[in-house]
Amino acid sequence: MVTPLDNRSSYERDPAAPLRHSIAWYTDTSLAQARAAVRALLARAGYDPDHRPGQDAQLIVTELVTNALRHAPGPGSLALEVTPDAALLRITVSDSSPRLPELRTHDGRRVGGHGLRLVARLCDRLHTVALDTGKQVAAHLDLRKPAN
């Protein structure tokens, strides 16, 4: 069940300001809504969301939001920000769990537990900030990096 606290976008376009979108939830949110938000924001920044940076961004958002929903009871949020030069996408997921994510060792026989490793490989920077109310996991994705 989707129970959004807030859903905001920056539609007034000041070229010196970043493009932003945020979604907050009490107990659950739609992964499709989160992916759609990334697609819309990247399209507004001039990127085709079906090309590599858009696909990577959608996968990162899906993994981080899924982890927040799976491992943290209560409220959470997704914040997306494209820098004014449209070169970088910042993805920040906040949740209510104080437990920091663990990057597990690779084990091809294990079912699950591979998402954070995948996110770390796709993004240019991944970091976690402990908060009094839980944590924030932030991923930075270079939108202008050539596809491998």
Protein backbone atom coordinates (compact mmCIF):
# COMPACT_ATOMS: atom_id res chain seq x y z
CA MET A 1 0.00 0.00 0.00
CA VAL A 2 1.40 3.37 -0.95
CA THR A 3 1.03 5.98 1.75
CA PRO A 4 3.14 8.91 0.60
CA LEU A 5 4.06 11.59 3.10
CA ASP A 6 5.21 13.91 0.39
CA ASN A 7 6.03 13.94 -3.28
CA ARG A 8 7.79 17.05 -4.54
CA SER A 9 9.54 18.07 -7.73
CA SER A 10 11.32 21.21 -8.84
CA TYR A 11 9.37 22.19 -11.94
CA GLU A 12 10.40 25.82 -11.97
CA ARG A 13 13.62 25.58 -13.99
CA ASP A 14 16.34 27.99 -12.92
CA PRO A 15 19.44 27.00 -14.94
CA ALA A 16 21.66 27.58 -11.89
CA ALA A 17 19.55 25.32 -9.66
CA PRO A 18 19.62 21.54 -9.51
CA LEU A 19 16.63 19.51 -10.63
CA ARG A 20 15.09 17.70 -7.66
CA HIS A 21 12.39 15.18 -6.87
CA SER A 22 11.55 13.60 -3.54
CA ILE A 23 9.19 10.92 -2.29
CA ALA A 24 8.55 10.11 1.36
CA TRP A 25 6.52 7.24 2.80
CA TYR A 26 5.17 6.00 6.13
CA THR A 27 5.26 2.25 5.63
CA ASP A 28 5.60 1.39 1.95
CA THR A 29 6.03 2.91 -1.47
CA SER A 30 5.78 1.78 -5.05
CA LEU A 31 9.02 0.79 -6.74
CA ALA A 32 7.36 1.64 -10.06
CA GLN A 33 6.69 5.16 -8.73
CA ALA A 34 10.35 5.50 -7.71
CA ARG A 35 11.59 4.33 -11.13
CA ALA A 36 9.12 6.65 -12.87
CA ALA A 37 10.45 9.57 -10.82
CA VAL A 38 14.01 8.83 -12.00
CA ARG A 39 12.87 8.52 -15.60
CA ALA A 40 10.97 11.82 -15.46
CA LEU A 41 13.79 13.72 -13.77
CA LEU A 42 16.39 12.46 -16.25
CA ALA A 43 14.13 13.34 -19.17
CA ARG A 44 13.78 16.88 -17.77
CA ALA A 45 17.59 17.03 -17.56
CA GLY A 46 17.88 16.12 -21.24
CA TYR A 47 18.72 12.40 -20.96
CA ASP A 48 16.92 9.53 -22.62
CA PRO A 49 15.87 7.39 -19.63
CA ASP A 50 16.13 4.26 -21.80
CA HIS A 51 19.86 4.76 -22.40
CA ARG A 52 22.56 3.43 -20.10
CA PRO A 53 22.68 6.18 -17.42
CA GLY A 54 18.88 6.07 -17.07
CA GLN A 55 18.81 2.30 -16.81
CA ASP A 56 21.62 2.31 -14.23
CA ALA A 57 19.84 5.01 -12.21
CA GLN A 58 16.58 3.04 -12.21
CA LEU A 59 18.39 -0.11 -11.05
CA ILE A 60 20.19 1.78 -8.27
CA VAL A 61 16.93 3.33 -7.06
CA THR A 62 15.16 -0.03 -7.18
CA GLU A 63 17.88 -1.74 -5.12
CA LEU A 64 18.21 1.04 -2.51
CA VAL A 65 14.46 1.51 -2.02
CA THR A 66 13.92 -2.26 -1.89
CA ASN A 67 16.57 -2.54 0.85
CA ALA A 68 14.97 0.28 2.82
CA LEU A 69 11.52 -1.34 2.58
CA ARG A 70 12.84 -4.80 3.40
CA HIS A 71 15.14 -3.94 6.32
CA ALA A 72 13.66 -0.82 7.93
CA PRO A 73 10.23 -0.55 9.49
CA GLY A 74 8.51 2.78 9.35
CA PRO A 75 9.03 5.91 7.31
CA GLY A 76 11.55 6.42 4.56
CA SER A 77 12.31 8.71 1.68
CA LEU A 78 13.92 8.94 -1.72
CA ALA A 79 15.60 12.16 -2.86
CA LEU A 80 16.84 12.62 -6.41
CA GLU A 81 18.95 15.55 -7.57
CA VAL A 82 20.55 16.33 -10.93
CA THR A 83 23.30 18.94 -10.68
CA PRO A 84 22.82 22.21 -12.61
CA ASP A 85 25.29 21.10 -15.31
CA ALA A 86 23.30 17.82 -15.66
CA ALA A 87 26.49 15.78 -15.16
CA LEU A 88 25.66 14.06 -11.87
CA LEU A 89 22.63 12.36 -10.35
CA ARG A 90 22.53 12.06 -6.56
CA ILE A 91 20.24 9.35 -5.22
CA THR A 92 19.62 9.39 -1.47
CA VAL A 93 17.43 6.87 0.35
CA SER A 94 16.70 7.44 4.03
CA ASP A 95 15.15 4.88 6.34
CA SER A 96 14.47 4.33 10.04
CA SER A 97 16.92 1.46 10.65
CA PRO A 98 20.18 2.29 12.43
CA ARG A 99 21.80 -0.84 10.92
CA LEU A 100 24.27 0.15 8.22
CA PRO A 101 24.27 -1.83 4.97
CA GLU A 102 26.93 -4.49 4.54
CA LEU A 103 28.73 -5.15 1.29
CA ARG A 104 28.79 -8.95 1.30
CA THR A 105 31.52 -11.00 -0.29
CA HIS A 106 30.64 -12.39 -3.68
CA ASP A 107 29.06 -15.85 -3.57
CA GLY A 108 27.43 -16.93 -6.82
CA ARG A 109 25.63 -19.78 -5.02
CA ARG A 110 23.86 -17.46 -2.58
CA VAL A 111 20.31 -16.37 -3.36
CA GLY A 112 19.95 -12.67 -2.58
CA GLY A 113 22.35 -10.29 -0.94
CA HIS A 114 23.89 -9.07 -4.22
CA GLY A 115 22.07 -5.73 -4.60
CA LEU A 116 24.46 -3.48 -2.71
CA ARG A 117 27.45 -4.92 -4.60
CA LEU A 118 25.64 -4.20 -7.87
CA VAL A 119 24.85 -0.63 -6.76
CA ALA A 120 28.49 -0.08 -5.76
CA ARG A 121 29.65 -1.22 -9.22
CA LEU A 122 27.18 1.00 -11.08
CA CYS A 123 27.67 4.25 -9.23
CA ASP A 124 30.73 6.44 -8.88
CA ARG A 125 30.37 6.98 -5.15
CA LEU A 126 28.34 5.15 -2.51
CA HIS A 127 28.28 6.18 1.12
CA THR A 128 26.13 5.81 4.20
CA VAL A 129 25.48 8.38 6.91
CA ALA A 130 24.22 7.26 10.31
CA LEU A 131 21.46 9.50 11.69
CA ASP A 132 19.70 9.69 15.05
CA THR A 133 16.56 8.46 13.29
CA GLY A 134 18.15 5.79 11.06
CA LYS A 135 20.47 6.25 8.10
CA GLN A 136 20.90 7.70 4.63
CA VAL A 137 22.44 5.75 1.77
CA ALA A 138 23.63 8.00 -1.04
CA ALA A 139 24.76 7.00 -4.52
CA HIS A 140 26.31 9.37 -7.04
CA LEU A 141 26.03 8.50 -10.72
CA ASP A 142 28.06 10.29 -13.40
CA LEU A 143 25.52 10.80 -16.19
CA ARG A 144 28.13 11.66 -18.80
CA LYS A 145 30.35 8.62 -18.30
CA PRO A 146 30.65 6.61 -21.53
CA ALA A 147 29.02 3.17 -21.54
CA ASN A 148 31.39 0.27 -21.00
